[in-house]
Amino acid sequence: MAASRVWIGVHYPHDVALGLAVGAAVAWALMAAVRRTAPRAEGLRATRLRPLLARR
């Protein structure tokens, strides 16, 4: 998709590269946050919040 946007002239290559870098940084930060908070969420399964956390 990114290559096609450059090919048709909608974006410059540096636009696509910067978008990739920003997307990767945000994904990395979110995954780091999820890894830190997952044990806390597992601990909440023993509380009244279980219906909100349980898989269906």
PDB file of N, CA and C in Angstrom:
ATOM      1  N   MET A   1       0.831  -1.167   0.000  1.00  0.00           N
ATOM      2  CA  MET A   1       0.000   0.000   0.000  1.00  0.00           C
ATOM      3  C   MET A   1       0.889   1.248   0.000  1.00  0.00           C
ATOM      4  N   ALA A   2       1.926   1.242   0.811  1.00  0.00           N
ATOM      5  CA  ALA A   2       2.796   2.413   0.889  1.00  0.00           C
ATOM      6  C   ALA A   2       3.465   2.684  -0.451  1.00  0.00           C
ATOM      7  N   ALA A   3       3.910   1.617  -1.106  1.00  0.00           N
ATOM      8  CA  ALA A   3       4.564   1.794  -2.405  1.00  0.00           C
ATOM      9  C   ALA A   3       3.597   2.360  -3.431  1.00  0.00           C
ATOM     10  N   SER A   4       2.342   1.921  -3.376  1.00  0.00           N
ATOM     11  CA  SER A   4       1.371   2.442  -4.342  1.00  0.00           C
ATOM     12  C   SER A   4       1.076   3.919  -4.102  1.00  0.00           C
ATOM     13  N   ARG A   5       1.108   4.357  -2.848  1.00  0.00           N
ATOM     14  CA  ARG A   5       0.864   5.778  -2.549  1.00  0.00           C
ATOM     15  C   ARG A   5       1.993   6.640  -3.112  1.00  0.00           C
ATOM     16  N   VAL A   6       3.206   6.126  -3.047  1.00  0.00           N
ATOM     17  CA  VAL A   6       4.343   6.845  -3.626  1.00  0.00           C
ATOM     18  C   VAL A   6       4.261   6.788  -5.148  1.00  0.00           C
ATOM     19  N   TRP A   7       3.916   5.634  -5.688  1.00  0.00           N
ATOM     20  CA  TRP A   7       3.848   5.440  -7.136  1.00  0.00           C
ATOM     21  C   TRP A   7       2.875   6.409  -7.797  1.00  0.00           C
ATOM     22  N   ILE A   8       1.699   6.606  -7.175  1.00  0.00           N
ATOM     23  CA  ILE A   8       0.705   7.495  -7.794  1.00  0.00           C
ATOM     24  C   ILE A   8       0.910   8.958  -7.415  1.00  0.00           C
ATOM     25  N   GLY A   9       1.897   9.239  -6.600  1.00  0.00           N
ATOM     26  CA  GLY A   9       2.265  10.610  -6.297  1.00  0.00           C
ATOM     27  C   GLY A   9       1.494  11.248  -5.160  1.00  0.00           C
ATOM     28  N   VAL A  10       0.815  10.465  -4.353  1.00  0.00           N
ATOM     29  CA  VAL A  10       0.062  11.025  -3.234  1.00  0.00           C
ATOM     30  C   VAL A  10       0.994  11.380  -2.071  1.00  0.00           C
ATOM     31  N   HIS A  11       2.046  10.557  -1.882  1.00  0.00           N
ATOM     32  CA  HIS A  11       3.010  10.797  -0.812  1.00  0.00           C
ATOM     33  C   HIS A  11       4.419  10.708  -1.369  1.00  0.00           C
ATOM     34  N   TYR A  12       5.330  11.381  -0.669  1.00  0.00           N
ATOM     35  CA  TYR A  12       6.746  11.254  -0.973  1.00  0.00           C
ATOM     36  C   TYR A  12       7.312  10.066  -0.206  1.00  0.00           C
ATOM     37  N   PRO A  13       8.440   9.514  -0.668  1.00  0.00           N
ATOM     38  CA  PRO A  13       9.023   8.372   0.056  1.00  0.00           C
ATOM     39  C   PRO A  13       9.334   8.670   1.521  1.00  0.00           C
ATOM     40  N   HIS A  14       9.778   9.906   1.812  1.00  0.00           N
ATOM     41  CA  HIS A  14      10.090  10.206   3.214  1.00  0.00           C
ATOM     42  C   HIS A  14       8.813  10.258   4.058  1.00  0.00           C
ATOM     43  N   ASP A  15       7.655  10.582   3.464  1.00  0.00           N
ATOM     44  CA  ASP A  15       6.389  10.517   4.202  1.00  0.00           C
ATOM     45  C   ASP A  15       6.109   9.087   4.646  1.00  0.00           C
ATOM     46  N   VAL A  16       6.299   8.162   3.729  1.00  0.00           N
ATOM     47  CA  VAL A  16       6.042   6.752   4.018  1.00  0.00           C
ATOM     48  C   VAL A  16       7.034   6.239   5.068  1.00  0.00           C
ATOM     49  N   ALA A  17       8.286   6.598   4.943  1.00  0.00           N
ATOM     50  CA  ALA A  17       9.296   6.148   5.901  1.00  0.00           C
ATOM     51  C   ALA A  17       9.017   6.704   7.296  1.00  0.00           C
ATOM     52  N   LEU A  18       8.636   7.967   7.374  1.00  0.00           N
ATOM     53  CA  LEU A  18       8.317   8.553   8.671  1.00  0.00           C
ATOM     54  C   LEU A  18       7.076   7.899   9.266  1.00  0.00           C
ATOM     55  N   GLY A  19       6.080   7.609   8.454  1.00  0.00           N
ATOM     56  CA  GLY A  19       4.893   6.908   8.938  1.00  0.00           C
ATOM     57  C   GLY A  19       5.232   5.538   9.492  1.00  0.00           C
ATOM     58  N   LEU A  20       6.120   4.836   8.822  1.00  0.00           N
ATOM     59  CA  LEU A  20       6.577   3.535   9.306  1.00  0.00           C
ATOM     60  C   LEU A  20       7.276   3.681  10.653  1.00  0.00           C
ATOM     61  N   ALA A  21       8.148   4.668  10.768  1.00  0.00           N
ATOM     62  CA  ALA A  21       8.890   4.871  12.014  1.00  0.00           C
ATOM     63  C   ALA A  21       7.955   5.238  13.167  1.00  0.00           C
ATOM     64  N   VAL A  22       7.011   6.115  12.923  1.00  0.00           N
ATOM     65  CA  VAL A  22       6.067   6.517  13.971  1.00  0.00           C
ATOM     66  C   VAL A  22       5.192   5.327  14.370  1.00  0.00           C
ATOM     67  N   GLY A  23       4.701   4.585  13.396  1.00  0.00           N
ATOM     68  CA  GLY A  23       3.878   3.421  13.693  1.00  0.00           C
ATOM     69  C   GLY A  23       4.629   2.372  14.494  1.00  0.00           C
ATOM     70  N   ALA A  24       5.876   2.140  14.147  1.00  0.00           N
ATOM     71  CA  ALA A  24       6.687   1.169  14.881  1.00  0.00           C
ATOM     72  C   ALA A  24       6.948   1.634  16.314  1.00  0.00           C
ATOM     73  N   ALA A  25       7.213   2.914  16.497  1.00  0.00           N
ATOM     74  CA  ALA A  25       7.460   3.450  17.842  1.00  0.00           C
ATOM     75  C   ALA A  25       6.215   3.350  18.715  1.00  0.00           C
ATOM     76  N   VAL A  26       5.069   3.669  18.164  1.00  0.00           N
ATOM     77  CA  VAL A  26       3.823   3.575  18.932  1.00  0.00           C
ATOM     78  C   VAL A  26       3.521   2.117  19.279  1.00  0.00           C
ATOM     79  N   ALA A  27       3.683   1.215  18.331  1.00  0.00           N
ATOM     80  CA  ALA A  27       3.435  -0.201  18.588  1.00  0.00           C
ATOM     81  C   ALA A  27       4.384  -0.731  19.658  1.00  0.00           C
ATOM     82  N   TRP A  28       5.644  -0.348  19.596  1.00  0.00           N
ATOM     83  CA  TRP A  28       6.611  -0.790  20.599  1.00  0.00           C
ATOM     84  C   TRP A  28       6.218  -0.288  21.988  1.00  0.00           C
ATOM     85  N   ALA A  29       5.839   0.993  22.097  1.00  0.00           N
ATOM     86  CA  ALA A  29       5.458   1.572  23.389  1.00  0.00           C
ATOM     87  C   ALA A  29       4.207   0.889  23.949  1.00  0.00           C
ATOM     88  N   LEU A  30       3.234   0.630  23.104  1.00  0.00           N
ATOM     89  CA  LEU A  30       2.016  -0.024  23.573  1.00  0.00           C
ATOM     90  C   LEU A  30       2.276  -1.458  24.021  1.00  0.00           C
ATOM     91  N   MET A  31       3.105  -2.174  23.296  1.00  0.00           N
ATOM     92  CA  MET A  31       3.427  -3.541  23.699  1.00  0.00           C
ATOM     93  C   MET A  31       4.195  -3.567  25.017  1.00  0.00           C
ATOM     94  N   ALA A  32       5.070  -2.602  25.224  1.00  0.00           N
ATOM     95  CA  ALA A  32       5.794  -2.517  26.497  1.00  0.00           C
ATOM     96  C   ALA A  32       4.817  -2.257  27.643  1.00  0.00           C
ATOM     97  N   ALA A  33       3.834  -1.402  27.423  1.00  0.00           N
ATOM     98  CA  ALA A  33       2.831  -1.110  28.450  1.00  0.00           C
ATOM     99  C   ALA A  33       1.971  -2.331  28.733  1.00  0.00           C
ATOM    100  N   VAL A  34       1.605  -3.063  27.700  1.00  0.00           N
ATOM    101  CA  VAL A  34       0.781  -4.262  27.887  1.00  0.00           C
ATOM    102  C   VAL A  34       1.550  -5.311  28.674  1.00  0.00           C
ATOM    103  N   ARG A  35       2.802  -5.485  28.383  1.00  0.00           N
ATOM    104  CA  ARG A  35       3.606  -6.485  29.110  1.00  0.00           C
ATOM    105  C   ARG A  35       3.724  -6.135  30.592  1.00  0.00           C
ATOM    106  N   ARG A  36       3.798  -4.835  30.900  1.00  0.00           N
ATOM    107  CA  ARG A  36       3.900  -4.428  32.305  1.00  0.00           C
ATOM    108  C   ARG A  36       2.579  -4.602  33.045  1.00  0.00           C
ATOM    109  N   THR A  37       1.461  -4.349  32.384  1.00  0.00           N
ATOM    110  CA  THR A  37       0.176  -4.362  33.074  1.00  0.00           C
ATOM    111  C   THR A  37      -0.542  -5.702  33.016  1.00  0.00           C
ATOM    112  N   ALA A  38      -0.102  -6.633  32.211  1.00  0.00           N
ATOM    113  CA  ALA A  38      -0.777  -7.932  32.095  1.00  0.00           C
ATOM    114  C   ALA A  38      -0.845  -8.682  33.428  1.00  0.00           C
ATOM    115  N   PRO A  39       0.217  -8.745  34.216  1.00  0.00           N
ATOM    116  CA  PRO A  39       0.107  -9.454  35.506  1.00  0.00           C
ATOM    117  C   PRO A  39      -0.942  -8.822  36.427  1.00  0.00           C
ATOM    118  N   ARG A  40      -1.083  -7.517  36.399  1.00  0.00           N
ATOM    119  CA  ARG A  40      -2.098  -6.860  37.232  1.00  0.00           C
ATOM    120  C   ARG A  40      -3.495  -7.243  36.773  1.00  0.00           C
ATOM    121  N   ALA A  41      -3.693  -7.291  35.482  1.00  0.00           N
ATOM    122  CA  ALA A  41      -5.002  -7.668  34.950  1.00  0.00           C
ATOM    123  C   ALA A  41      -5.324  -9.112  35.311  1.00  0.00           C
ATOM    124  N   GLU A  42      -4.340  -9.992  35.286  1.00  0.00           N
ATOM    125  CA  GLU A  42      -4.568 -11.379  35.685  1.00  0.00           C
ATOM    126  C   GLU A  42      -4.970 -11.452  37.152  1.00  0.00           C
ATOM    127  N   GLY A  43      -4.379 -10.606  37.982  1.00  0.00           N
ATOM    128  CA  GLY A  43      -4.735 -10.580  39.401  1.00  0.00           C
ATOM    129  C   GLY A  43      -6.160 -10.127  39.639  1.00  0.00           C
ATOM    130  N   LEU A  44      -6.719  -9.353  38.739  1.00  0.00           N
ATOM    131  CA  LEU A  44      -8.088  -8.865  38.882  1.00  0.00           C
ATOM    132  C   LEU A  44      -9.126  -9.942  38.583  1.00  0.00           C
ATOM    133  N   ARG A  45      -8.715 -11.055  38.034  1.00  0.00           N
ATOM    134  CA  ARG A  45      -9.670 -12.126  37.722  1.00  0.00           C
ATOM    135  C   ARG A  45     -10.293 -12.721  38.973  1.00  0.00           C
ATOM    136  N   ALA A  46      -9.661 -12.551  40.124  1.00  0.00           N
ATOM    137  CA  ALA A  46     -10.191 -13.088  41.379  1.00  0.00           C
ATOM    138  C   ALA A  46     -11.121 -12.091  42.067  1.00  0.00           C
ATOM    139  N   THR A  47     -11.395 -10.960  41.450  1.00  0.00           N
ATOM    140  CA  THR A  47     -12.240  -9.934  42.054  1.00  0.00           C
ATOM    141  C   THR A  47     -13.595  -9.885  41.354  1.00  0.00           C
ATOM    142  N   ARG A  48     -14.407  -8.921  41.756  1.00  0.00           N
ATOM    143  CA  ARG A  48     -15.723  -8.758  41.136  1.00  0.00           C
ATOM    144  C   ARG A  48     -15.620  -8.286  39.696  1.00  0.00           C
ATOM    145  N   LEU A  49     -14.444  -7.895  39.241  1.00  0.00           N
ATOM    146  CA  LEU A  49     -14.266  -7.439  37.866  1.00  0.00           C
ATOM    147  C   LEU A  49     -14.083  -8.593  36.887  1.00  0.00           C
ATOM    148  N   ARG A  50     -14.138  -9.821  37.381  1.00  0.00           N
ATOM    149  CA  ARG A  50     -13.930 -10.989  36.512  1.00  0.00           C
ATOM    150  C   ARG A  50     -14.792 -10.971  35.262  1.00  0.00           C
ATOM    151  N   PRO A  51     -16.080 -10.626  35.320  1.00  0.00           N
ATOM    152  CA  PRO A  51     -16.891 -10.638  34.081  1.00  0.00           C
ATOM    153  C   PRO A  51     -16.347  -9.689  33.001  1.00  0.00           C
ATOM    154  N   LEU A  52     -15.646  -8.654  33.411  1.00  0.00           N
ATOM    155  CA  LEU A  52     -15.085  -7.719  32.429  1.00  0.00           C
ATOM    156  C   LEU A  52     -13.806  -8.250  31.799  1.00  0.00           C
ATOM    157  N   LEU A  53     -13.128  -9.158  32.471  1.00  0.00           N
ATOM    158  CA  LEU A  53     -11.836  -9.646  32.001  1.00  0.00           C
ATOM    159  C   LEU A  53     -11.880 -11.040  31.411  1.00  0.00           C
ATOM    160  N   ALA A  54     -12.906 -11.806  31.726  1.00  0.00           N
ATOM    161  CA  ALA A  54     -12.958 -13.197  31.290  1.00  0.00           C
ATOM    162  C   ALA A  54     -13.217 -13.288  29.793  1.00  0.00           C
ATOM    163  N   ARG A  55     -12.628 -14.298  29.195  1.00  0.00           N
ATOM    164  CA  ARG A  55     -12.871 -14.561  27.769  1.00  0.00           C
ATOM    165  C   ARG A  55     -14.206 -15.236  27.628  1.00  0.00           C
ATOM    166  N   ARG A  56     -14.850 -14.940  26.541  1.00  0.00           N
ATOM    167  CA  ARG A  56     -16.168 -15.560  26.300  1.00  0.00           C
ATOM    168  C   ARG A  56     -16.042 -16.672  25.340  1.00  0.00           C
TER     169      ARG A  56
END
